[in-house]
PDB file of N, CA and C in Angstrom:
ATOM      1  N   MET A   1       0.833  -1.169   0.000  1.00  0.00           N
ATOM      2  CA  MET A   1       0.000   0.000   0.000  1.00  0.00           C
ATOM      3  C   MET A   1       0.886   1.243   0.000  1.00  0.00           C
ATOM      4  N   SER A   2       0.565   2.204  -0.862  1.00  0.00           N
ATOM      5  CA  SER A   2       1.327   3.448  -0.920  1.00  0.00           C
ATOM      6  C   SER A   2       1.151   4.243   0.367  1.00  0.00           C
ATOM      7  N   VAL A   3       2.203   5.002   0.704  1.00  0.00           N
ATOM      8  CA  VAL A   3       2.184   5.806   1.924  1.00  0.00           C
ATOM      9  C   VAL A   3       2.614   7.231   1.618  1.00  0.00           C
ATOM     10  N   VAL A   4       2.108   8.157   2.453  1.00  0.00           N
ATOM     11  CA  VAL A   4       2.568   9.534   2.455  1.00  0.00           C
ATOM     12  C   VAL A   4       3.571   9.649   3.593  1.00  0.00           C
ATOM     13  N   MET A   5       4.756  10.128   3.264  1.00  0.00           N
ATOM     14  CA  MET A   5       5.779  10.364   4.272  1.00  0.00           C
ATOM     15  C   MET A   5       5.832  11.869   4.497  1.00  0.00           C
ATOM     16  N   SER A   6       5.630  12.291   5.740  1.00  0.00           N
ATOM     17  CA  SER A   6       5.690  13.695   6.114  1.00  0.00           C
ATOM     18  C   SER A   6       6.873  13.875   7.051  1.00  0.00           C
ATOM     19  N   MET A   7       7.705  14.873   6.737  1.00  0.00           N
ATOM     20  CA  MET A   7       8.924  15.078   7.528  1.00  0.00           C
ATOM     21  C   MET A   7       9.111  16.560   7.832  1.00  0.00           C
ATOM     22  N   LYS A   8       9.521  16.839   9.054  1.00  0.00           N
ATOM     23  CA  LYS A   8       9.965  18.178   9.450  1.00  0.00           C
ATOM     24  C   LYS A   8      11.330  18.001  10.102  1.00  0.00           C
ATOM     25  N   TRP A   9      12.321  18.740   9.583  1.00  0.00           N
ATOM     26  CA  TRP A   9      13.680  18.612  10.106  1.00  0.00           C
ATOM     27  C   TRP A   9      14.179  20.001  10.475  1.00  0.00           C
ATOM     28  N   ALA A  10      14.139  20.317  11.761  1.00  0.00           N
ATOM     29  CA  ALA A  10      14.555  21.626  12.264  1.00  0.00           C
ATOM     30  C   ALA A  10      16.043  21.848  12.017  1.00  0.00           C
ATOM     31  N   GLY A  11      16.377  23.072  11.664  1.00  0.00           N
ATOM     32  CA  GLY A  11      17.769  23.463  11.512  1.00  0.00           C
ATOM     33  C   GLY A  11      18.376  23.214  10.149  1.00  0.00           C
ATOM     34  N   VAL A  12      17.685  22.511   9.266  1.00  0.00           N
ATOM     35  CA  VAL A  12      18.232  22.250   7.939  1.00  0.00           C
ATOM     36  C   VAL A  12      18.080  23.509   7.090  1.00  0.00           C
ATOM     37  N   LYS A  13      19.166  23.897   6.434  1.00  0.00           N
ATOM     38  CA  LYS A  13      19.184  25.088   5.594  1.00  0.00           C
ATOM     39  C   LYS A  13      18.999  24.687   4.121  1.00  0.00           C
ATOM     40  N   PRO A  14      18.467  25.596   3.302  1.00  0.00           N
ATOM     41  CA  PRO A  14      18.311  25.285   1.877  1.00  0.00           C
ATOM     42  C   PRO A  14      19.609  24.825   1.211  1.00  0.00           C
ATOM     43  N   GLU A  15      20.724  25.412   1.597  1.00  0.00           N
ATOM     44  CA  GLU A  15      22.007  25.026   0.999  1.00  0.00           C
ATOM     45  C   GLU A  15      22.352  23.574   1.318  1.00  0.00           C
ATOM     46  N   GLN A  16      22.017  23.129   2.528  1.00  0.00           N
ATOM     47  CA  GLN A  16      22.279  21.742   2.907  1.00  0.00           C
ATOM     48  C   GLN A  16      21.379  20.791   2.119  1.00  0.00           C
ATOM     49  N   TYR A  17      20.097  21.149   2.006  1.00  0.00           N
ATOM     50  CA  TYR A  17      19.177  20.329   1.210  1.00  0.00           C
ATOM     51  C   TYR A  17      19.692  20.208  -0.230  1.00  0.00           C
ATOM     52  N   ASP A  18      20.090  21.340  -0.823  1.00  0.00           N
ATOM     53  CA  ASP A  18      20.577  21.332  -2.200  1.00  0.00           C
ATOM     54  C   ASP A  18      21.846  20.497  -2.344  1.00  0.00           C
ATOM     55  N   ALA A  19      22.721  20.525  -1.336  1.00  0.00           N
ATOM     56  CA  ALA A  19      23.940  19.703  -1.369  1.00  0.00           C
ATOM     57  C   ALA A  19      23.587  18.220  -1.324  1.00  0.00           C
ATOM     58  N   VAL A  20      22.636  17.856  -0.491  1.00  0.00           N
ATOM     59  CA  VAL A  20      22.215  16.449  -0.405  1.00  0.00           C
ATOM     60  C   VAL A  20      21.575  16.020  -1.722  1.00  0.00           C
ATOM     61  N   ARG A  21      20.715  16.862  -2.275  1.00  0.00           N
ATOM     62  CA  ARG A  21      20.060  16.539  -3.548  1.00  0.00           C
ATOM     63  C   ARG A  21      21.087  16.328  -4.653  1.00  0.00           C
ATOM     64  N   ALA A  22      22.100  17.193  -4.720  1.00  0.00           N
ATOM     65  CA  ALA A  22      23.143  17.066  -5.735  1.00  0.00           C
ATOM     66  C   ALA A  22      23.965  15.797  -5.543  1.00  0.00           C
ATOM     67  N   GLU A  23      24.223  15.450  -4.293  1.00  0.00           N
ATOM     68  CA  GLU A  23      25.022  14.253  -3.976  1.00  0.00           C
ATOM     69  C   GLU A  23      24.262  12.968  -4.291  1.00  0.00           C
ATOM     70  N   VAL A  24      23.007  12.914  -3.899  1.00  0.00           N
ATOM     71  CA  VAL A  24      22.213  11.683  -4.020  1.00  0.00           C
ATOM     72  C   VAL A  24      21.612  11.517  -5.417  1.00  0.00           C
ATOM     73  N   LYS A  25      21.317  12.637  -6.083  1.00  0.00           N
ATOM     74  CA  LYS A  25      20.772  12.631  -7.444  1.00  0.00           C
ATOM     75  C   LYS A  25      19.454  11.867  -7.556  1.00  0.00           C
ATOM     76  N   TRP A  26      18.548  12.102  -6.573  1.00  0.00           N
ATOM     77  CA  TRP A  26      17.286  11.355  -6.617  1.00  0.00           C
ATOM     78  C   TRP A  26      16.403  11.759  -7.780  1.00  0.00           C
ATOM     79  N   GLU A  27      16.587  12.952  -8.335  1.00  0.00           N
ATOM     80  CA  GLU A  27      15.789  13.345  -9.499  1.00  0.00           C
ATOM     81  C   GLU A  27      16.287  12.661 -10.767  1.00  0.00           C
ATOM     82  N   GLU A  28      17.582  12.421 -10.850  1.00  0.00           N
ATOM     83  CA  GLU A  28      18.162  11.758 -12.010  1.00  0.00           C
ATOM     84  C   GLU A  28      18.107  10.237 -11.895  1.00  0.00           C
ATOM     85  N   GLU A  29      18.235   9.733 -10.693  1.00  0.00           N
ATOM     86  CA  GLU A  29      18.245   8.291 -10.424  1.00  0.00           C
ATOM     87  C   GLU A  29      17.160   8.008  -9.391  1.00  0.00           C
ATOM     88  N   THR A  30      15.924   7.943  -9.857  1.00  0.00           N
ATOM     89  CA  THR A  30      14.769   7.827  -8.970  1.00  0.00           C
ATOM     90  C   THR A  30      14.886   6.598  -8.073  1.00  0.00           C
ATOM     91  N   PRO A  31      14.720   6.787  -6.767  1.00  0.00           N
ATOM     92  CA  PRO A  31      14.768   5.648  -5.849  1.00  0.00           C
ATOM     93  C   PRO A  31      13.609   4.673  -6.111  1.00  0.00           C
ATOM     94  N   ASP A  32      13.851   3.408  -5.888  1.00  0.00           N
ATOM     95  CA  ASP A  32      12.793   2.409  -6.011  1.00  0.00           C
ATOM     96  C   ASP A  32      11.641   2.777  -5.089  1.00  0.00           C
ATOM     97  N   GLY A  33      10.433   2.810  -5.629  1.00  0.00           N
ATOM     98  CA  GLY A  33       9.246   3.044  -4.823  1.00  0.00           C
ATOM     99  C   GLY A  33       8.854   4.497  -4.645  1.00  0.00           C
ATOM    100  N   ALA A  34       9.675   5.436  -5.115  1.00  0.00           N
ATOM    101  CA  ALA A  34       9.351   6.855  -4.964  1.00  0.00           C
ATOM    102  C   ALA A  34       8.458   7.312  -6.101  1.00  0.00           C
ATOM    103  N   SER A  35       7.429   8.125  -5.775  1.00  0.00           N
ATOM    104  CA  SER A  35       6.604   8.661  -6.852  1.00  0.00           C
ATOM    105  C   SER A  35       6.365  10.160  -6.753  1.00  0.00           C
ATOM    106  N   LEU A  36       6.631  10.783  -5.600  1.00  0.00           N
ATOM    107  CA  LEU A  36       6.410  12.222  -5.466  1.00  0.00           C
ATOM    108  C   LEU A  36       7.271  12.761  -4.336  1.00  0.00           C
ATOM    109  N   HIS A  37       7.839  13.960  -4.553  1.00  0.00           N
ATOM    110  CA  HIS A  37       8.634  14.622  -3.521  1.00  0.00           C
ATOM    111  C   HIS A  37       8.360  16.107  -3.602  1.00  0.00           C
ATOM    112  N   VAL A  38       7.998  16.720  -2.489  1.00  0.00           N
ATOM    113  CA  VAL A  38       7.780  18.158  -2.389  1.00  0.00           C
ATOM    114  C   VAL A  38       8.525  18.629  -1.149  1.00  0.00           C
ATOM    115  N   ALA A  39       9.281  19.734  -1.293  1.00  0.00           N
ATOM    116  CA  ALA A  39      10.057  20.253  -0.159  1.00  0.00           C
ATOM    117  C   ALA A  39       9.911  21.764  -0.091  1.00  0.00           C
ATOM    118  N   TRP A  40       9.921  22.283   1.162  1.00  0.00           N
ATOM    119  CA  TRP A  40       9.879  23.732   1.389  1.00  0.00           C
ATOM    120  C   TRP A  40      10.490  24.028   2.743  1.00  0.00           C
ATOM    121  N   PHE A  41      10.750  25.327   2.970  1.00  0.00           N
ATOM    122  CA  PHE A  41      11.357  25.783   4.211  1.00  0.00           C
ATOM    123  C   PHE A  41      10.489  26.842   4.853  1.00  0.00           C
ATOM    124  N   ASP A  42      10.378  26.777   6.176  1.00  0.00           N
ATOM    125  CA  ASP A  42       9.796  27.860   6.957  1.00  0.00           C
ATOM    126  C   ASP A  42      10.193  27.688   8.409  1.00  0.00           C
ATOM    127  N   ALA A  43      10.188  28.762   9.128  1.00  0.00           N
ATOM    128  CA  ALA A  43      10.476  28.753  10.565  1.00  0.00           C
ATOM    129  C   ALA A  43      11.722  27.932  10.913  1.00  0.00           C
ATOM    130  N   GLY A  44      12.763  28.046  10.092  1.00  0.00           N
ATOM    131  CA  GLY A  44      14.021  27.373  10.383  1.00  0.00           C
ATOM    132  C   GLY A  44      13.999  25.869  10.244  1.00  0.00           C
ATOM    133  N   ALA A  45      13.088  25.350   9.410  1.00  0.00           N
ATOM    134  CA  ALA A  45      12.991  23.895   9.250  1.00  0.00           C
ATOM    135  C   ALA A  45      12.742  23.536   7.793  1.00  0.00           C
ATOM    136  N   LEU A  46      13.231  22.361   7.419  1.00  0.00           N
ATOM    137  CA  LEU A  46      12.902  21.738   6.143  1.00  0.00           C
ATOM    138  C   LEU A  46      11.627  20.932   6.337  1.00  0.00           C
ATOM    139  N   HIS A  47      10.707  21.065   5.410  1.00  0.00           N
ATOM    140  CA  HIS A  47       9.484  20.263   5.402  1.00  0.00           C
ATOM    141  C   HIS A  47       9.465  19.457   4.106  1.00  0.00           C
ATOM    142  N   VAL A  48       9.085  18.195   4.195  1.00  0.00           N
ATOM    143  CA  VAL A  48       9.024  17.320   3.023  1.00  0.00           C
ATOM    144  C   VAL A  48       7.739  16.513   3.083  1.00  0.00           C
ATOM    145  N   VAL A  49       7.108  16.363   1.923  1.00  0.00           N
ATOM    146  CA  VAL A  49       6.015  15.408   1.758  1.00  0.00           C
ATOM    147  C   VAL A  49       6.378  14.553   0.555  1.00  0.00           C
ATOM    148  N   ASP A  50       6.423  13.260   0.767  1.00  0.00           N
ATOM    149  CA  ASP A  50       6.709  12.295  -0.293  1.00  0.00           C
ATOM    150  C   ASP A  50       5.566  11.303  -0.402  1.00  0.00           C
ATOM    151  N   VAL A  51       5.472  10.666  -1.563  1.00  0.00           N
ATOM    152  CA  VAL A  51       4.621   9.485  -1.717  1.00  0.00           C
ATOM    153  C   VAL A  51       5.537   8.343  -2.140  1.00  0.00           C
ATOM    154  N   TRP A  52       5.424   7.239  -1.414  1.00  0.00           N
ATOM    155  CA  TRP A  52       6.225   6.036  -1.658  1.00  0.00           C
ATOM    156  C   TRP A  52       5.296   4.843  -1.822  1.00  0.00           C
ATOM    157  N   ASP A  53       5.747   3.848  -2.581  1.00  0.00           N
ATOM    158  CA  ASP A  53       4.961   2.619  -2.736  1.00  0.00           C
ATOM    159  C   ASP A  53       4.784   1.917  -1.398  1.00  0.00           C
ATOM    160  N   ALA A  54       5.802   2.024  -0.533  1.00  0.00           N
ATOM    161  CA  ALA A  54       5.759   1.397   0.791  1.00  0.00           C
ATOM    162  C   ALA A  54       6.761   2.110   1.701  1.00  0.00           C
ATOM    163  N   GLN A  55       6.494   2.085   2.995  1.00  0.00           N
ATOM    164  CA  GLN A  55       7.399   2.698   3.965  1.00  0.00           C
ATOM    165  C   GLN A  55       8.794   2.103   3.848  1.00  0.00           C
ATOM    166  N   LYS A  56       8.877   0.826   3.615  1.00  0.00           N
ATOM    167  CA  LYS A  56      10.169   0.143   3.499  1.00  0.00           C
ATOM    168  C   LYS A  56      11.010   0.713   2.357  1.00  0.00           C
ATOM    169  N   ASP A  57      10.350   1.156   1.273  1.00  0.00           N
ATOM    170  CA  ASP A  57      11.093   1.757   0.158  1.00  0.00           C
ATOM    171  C   ASP A  57      11.834   3.004   0.614  1.00  0.00           C
ATOM    172  N   PHE A  58      11.162   3.866   1.397  1.00  0.00           N
ATOM    173  CA  PHE A  58      11.837   5.057   1.911  1.00  0.00           C
ATOM    174  C   PHE A  58      12.953   4.660   2.872  1.00  0.00           C
ATOM    175  N   GLU A  59      12.680   3.718   3.748  1.00  0.00           N
ATOM    176  CA  GLU A  59      13.695   3.292   4.713  1.00  0.00           C
ATOM    177  C   GLU A  59      14.931   2.753   4.009  1.00  0.00           C
ATOM    178  N   ASN A  60      14.757   1.990   2.941  1.00  0.00           N
ATOM    179  CA  ASN A  60      15.895   1.480   2.168  1.00  0.00           C
ATOM    180  C   ASN A  60      16.663   2.621   1.510  1.00  0.00           C
ATOM    181  N   PHE A  61      15.929   3.568   0.909  1.00  0.00           N
ATOM    182  CA  PHE A  61      16.556   4.724   0.277  1.00  0.00           C
ATOM    183  C   PHE A  61      17.370   5.524   1.295  1.00  0.00           C
ATOM    184  N   PHE A  62      16.803   5.745   2.466  1.00  0.00           N
ATOM    185  CA  PHE A  62      17.516   6.495   3.491  1.00  0.00           C
ATOM    186  C   PHE A  62      18.805   5.772   3.885  1.00  0.00           C
ATOM    187  N   ALA A  63      18.703   4.485   4.159  1.00  0.00           N
ATOM    188  CA  ALA A  63      19.865   3.722   4.611  1.00  0.00           C
ATOM    189  C   ALA A  63      20.935   3.598   3.528  1.00  0.00           C
ATOM    190  N   GLU A  64      20.517   3.338   2.290  1.00  0.00           N
ATOM    191  CA  GLU A  64      21.464   3.029   1.222  1.00  0.00           C
ATOM    192  C   GLU A  64      22.033   4.255   0.512  1.00  0.00           C
ATOM    193  N   ARG A  65      21.291   5.372   0.489  1.00  0.00           N
ATOM    194  CA  ARG A  65      21.746   6.517  -0.299  1.00  0.00           C
ATOM    195  C   ARG A  65      21.712   7.852   0.450  1.00  0.00           C
ATOM    196  N   LEU A  66      20.707   8.073   1.243  1.00  0.00           N
ATOM    197  CA  LEU A  66      20.490   9.401   1.807  1.00  0.00           C
ATOM    198  C   LEU A  66      21.321   9.676   3.062  1.00  0.00           C
ATOM    199  N   ALA A  67      21.448   8.722   3.946  1.00  0.00           N
ATOM    200  CA  ALA A  67      22.093   8.945   5.250  1.00  0.00           C
ATOM    201  C   ALA A  67      23.515   9.478   5.115  1.00  0.00           C
ATOM    202  N   ALA A  68      24.302   8.909   4.243  1.00  0.00           N
ATOM    203  CA  ALA A  68      25.692   9.358   4.090  1.00  0.00           C
ATOM    204  C   ALA A  68      25.759  10.793   3.578  1.00  0.00           C
ATOM    205  N   ALA A  69      24.883  11.154   2.659  1.00  0.00           N
ATOM    206  CA  ALA A  69      24.873  12.516   2.124  1.00  0.00           C
ATOM    207  C   ALA A  69      24.393  13.521   3.169  1.00  0.00           C
ATOM    208  N   VAL A  70      23.452  13.124   3.999  1.00  0.00           N
ATOM    209  CA  VAL A  70      22.973  13.980   5.091  1.00  0.00           C
ATOM    210  C   VAL A  70      24.129  14.277   6.036  1.00  0.00           C
ATOM    211  N   GLN A  71      24.866  13.255   6.391  1.00  0.00           N
ATOM    212  CA  GLN A  71      26.012  13.428   7.286  1.00  0.00           C
ATOM    213  C   GLN A  71      27.074  14.319   6.637  1.00  0.00           C
ATOM    214  N   LYS A  72      27.364  14.082   5.372  1.00  0.00           N
ATOM    215  CA  LYS A  72      28.368  14.865   4.648  1.00  0.00           C
ATOM    216  C   LYS A  72      27.988  16.343   4.586  1.00  0.00           C
ATOM    217  N   ALA A  73      26.683  16.636   4.489  1.00  0.00           N
ATOM    218  CA  ALA A  73      26.203  18.020   4.415  1.00  0.00           C
ATOM    219  C   ALA A  73      26.171  18.693   5.782  1.00  0.00           C
ATOM    220  N   GLY A  74      26.501  17.958   6.841  1.00  0.00           N
ATOM    221  CA  GLY A  74      26.539  18.528   8.183  1.00  0.00           C
ATOM    222  C   GLY A  74      25.177  18.742   8.814  1.00  0.00           C
ATOM    223  N   ILE A  75      24.192  17.976   8.359  1.00  0.00           N
ATOM    224  CA  ILE A  75      22.850  18.082   8.928  1.00  0.00           C
ATOM    225  C   ILE A  75      22.822  17.315  10.242  1.00  0.00           C
ATOM    226  N   ALA A  76      22.397  18.006  11.298  1.00  0.00           N
ATOM    227  CA  ALA A  76      22.394  17.420  12.641  1.00  0.00           C
ATOM    228  C   ALA A  76      20.980  17.101  13.077  1.00  0.00           C
ATOM    229  N   GLY A  77      20.889  16.316  14.127  1.00  0.00           N
ATOM    230  CA  GLY A  77      19.601  16.002  14.720  1.00  0.00           C
ATOM    231  C   GLY A  77      18.847  14.945  13.953  1.00  0.00           C
ATOM    232  N   GLU A  78      17.614  14.780  14.344  1.00  0.00           N
ATOM    233  CA  GLU A  78      16.742  13.776  13.731  1.00  0.00           C
ATOM    234  C   GLU A  78      15.466  14.464  13.260  1.00  0.00           C
ATOM    235  N   PRO A  79      14.926  14.029  12.134  1.00  0.00           N
ATOM    236  CA  PRO A  79      13.675  14.626  11.671  1.00  0.00           C
ATOM    237  C   PRO A  79      12.473  14.049  12.413  1.00  0.00           C
ATOM    238  N   GLU A  80      11.399  14.833  12.441  1.00  0.00           N
ATOM    239  CA  GLU A  80      10.095  14.313  12.864  1.00  0.00           C
ATOM    240  C   GLU A  80       9.471  13.723  11.602  1.00  0.00           C
ATOM    241  N   THR A  81       9.235  12.430  11.614  1.00  0.00           N
ATOM    242  CA  THR A  81       8.753  11.749  10.420  1.00  0.00           C
ATOM    243  C   THR A  81       7.547  10.893  10.760  1.00  0.00           C
ATOM    244  N   GLN A  82       6.577  10.892   9.841  1.00  0.00           N
ATOM    245  CA  GLN A  82       5.443   9.987   9.998  1.00  0.00           C
ATOM    246  C   GLN A  82       5.045   9.420   8.648  1.00  0.00           C
ATOM    247  N   PHE A  83       4.491   8.235   8.670  1.00  0.00           N
ATOM    248  CA  PHE A  83       4.004   7.553   7.472  1.00  0.00           C
ATOM    249  C   PHE A  83       2.518   7.292   7.653  1.00  0.00           C
ATOM    250  N   ILE A  84       1.746   7.663   6.638  1.00  0.00           N
ATOM    251  CA  ILE A  84       0.298   7.514   6.687  1.00  0.00           C
ATOM    252  C   ILE A  84      -0.135   6.852   5.385  1.00  0.00           C
ATOM    253  N   PRO A  85      -1.047   5.874   5.438  1.00  0.00           N
ATOM    254  CA  PRO A  85      -1.514   5.247   4.197  1.00  0.00           C
ATOM    255  C   PRO A  85      -2.123   6.289   3.247  1.00  0.00           C
ATOM    256  N   LEU A  86      -1.760   6.205   1.991  1.00  0.00           N
ATOM    257  CA  LEU A  86      -2.282   7.111   0.975  1.00  0.00           C
ATOM    258  C   LEU A  86      -3.719   6.724   0.649  1.00  0.00           C
ATOM    259  N   HIS A  87      -4.596   7.700   0.646  1.00  0.00           N
ATOM    260  CA  HIS A  87      -5.986   7.453   0.257  1.00  0.00           C
ATOM    261  C   HIS A  87      -6.191   7.743  -1.223  1.00  0.00           C
ATOM    262  N   ARG A  88      -5.625   8.847  -1.711  1.00  0.00           N
ATOM    263  CA  ARG A  88      -5.836   9.250  -3.107  1.00  0.00           C
ATOM    264  C   ARG A  88      -4.689  10.149  -3.536  1.00  0.00           C
ATOM    265  N   ARG A  89      -4.314  10.022  -4.811  1.00  0.00           N
ATOM    266  CA  ARG A  89      -3.263  10.873  -5.381  1.00  0.00           C
ATOM    267  C   ARG A  89      -3.794  11.459  -6.687  1.00  0.00           C
ATOM    268  N   PHE A  90      -3.545  12.744  -6.903  1.00  0.00           N
ATOM    269  CA  PHE A  90      -3.912  13.425  -8.135  1.00  0.00           C
ATOM    270  C   PHE A  90      -2.701  14.200  -8.622  1.00  0.00           C
ATOM    271  N   VAL A  91      -2.390  14.064  -9.881  1.00  0.00           N
ATOM    272  CA  VAL A  91      -1.345  14.851 -10.508  1.00  0.00           C
ATOM    273  C   VAL A  91      -1.975  15.520 -11.728  1.00  0.00           C
ATOM    274  N   ALA A  92      -1.898  16.829 -11.777  1.00  0.00           N
ATOM    275  CA  ALA A  92      -2.525  17.581 -12.865  1.00  0.00           C
ATOM    276  C   ALA A  92      -1.925  17.160 -14.220  1.00  0.00           C
ATOM    277  N   PRO A  93      -2.746  17.106 -15.251  1.00  0.00           N
ATOM    278  CA  PRO A  93      -2.253  16.771 -16.578  1.00  0.00           C
ATOM    279  C   PRO A  93      -1.123  17.708 -16.988  1.00  0.00           C
ATOM    280  N   GLY A  94      -0.072  17.147 -17.570  1.00  0.00           N
ATOM    281  CA  GLY A  94       1.040  17.951 -18.033  1.00  0.00           C
ATOM    282  C   GLY A  94       2.119  18.201 -17.001  1.00  0.00           C
ATOM    283  N   VAL A  95       1.880  17.849 -15.742  1.00  0.00           N
ATOM    284  CA  VAL A  95       2.872  18.042 -14.695  1.00  0.00           C
ATOM    285  C   VAL A  95       3.817  16.848 -14.685  1.00  0.00           C
ATOM    286  N   SER A  96       5.105  17.130 -14.760  1.00  0.00           N
ATOM    287  CA  SER A  96       6.099  16.060 -14.676  1.00  0.00           C
ATOM    288  C   SER A  96       7.438  16.669 -14.285  1.00  0.00           C
ATOM    289  N   GLY A  97       8.336  15.819 -13.849  1.00  0.00           N
ATOM    290  CA  GLY A  97       9.683  16.243 -13.546  1.00  0.00           C
ATOM    291  C   GLY A  97       9.818  17.146 -12.337  1.00  0.00           C
ATOM    292  N   GLY A  98      11.050  17.601 -12.106  1.00  0.00           N
ATOM    293  CA  GLY A  98      11.353  18.462 -10.975  1.00  0.00           C
ATOM    294  C   GLY A  98      11.195  19.923 -11.344  1.00  0.00           C
ATOM    295  N   GLY A  99      11.499  20.737 -10.417  1.00  0.00           N
ATOM    296  CA  GLY A  99      11.449  22.162 -10.672  1.00  0.00           C
ATOM    297  C   GLY A  99      10.943  22.934  -9.480  1.00  0.00           C
ATOM    298  N   ALA A 100      11.160  24.208  -9.533  1.00  0.00           N
ATOM    299  CA  ALA A 100      10.733  25.071  -8.437  1.00  0.00           C
ATOM    300  C   ALA A 100       9.418  25.724  -8.779  1.00  0.00           C
TER     301      ALA A 100
END
């Protein structure tokens, strides 16, 4: 069952997020099970909402690819993360790929 992963990581700066993204290349080399990623910043925190085929897919991605890049970027602490079963997903026609 697909899940929505919601994350808030206090103290993460946009430059650190961009360094991790460049290192991991998740937009160029899509992780197994990933289908959507949205990120933004406010109040000194990184916020992320993802859709994954299964929670285990995100956990594997974190362990195998993301954790080392997070450490290399100097990101400290632990994120507040939750996984909730996806009820419905809509993507507007013509929307694809990354971008701001």
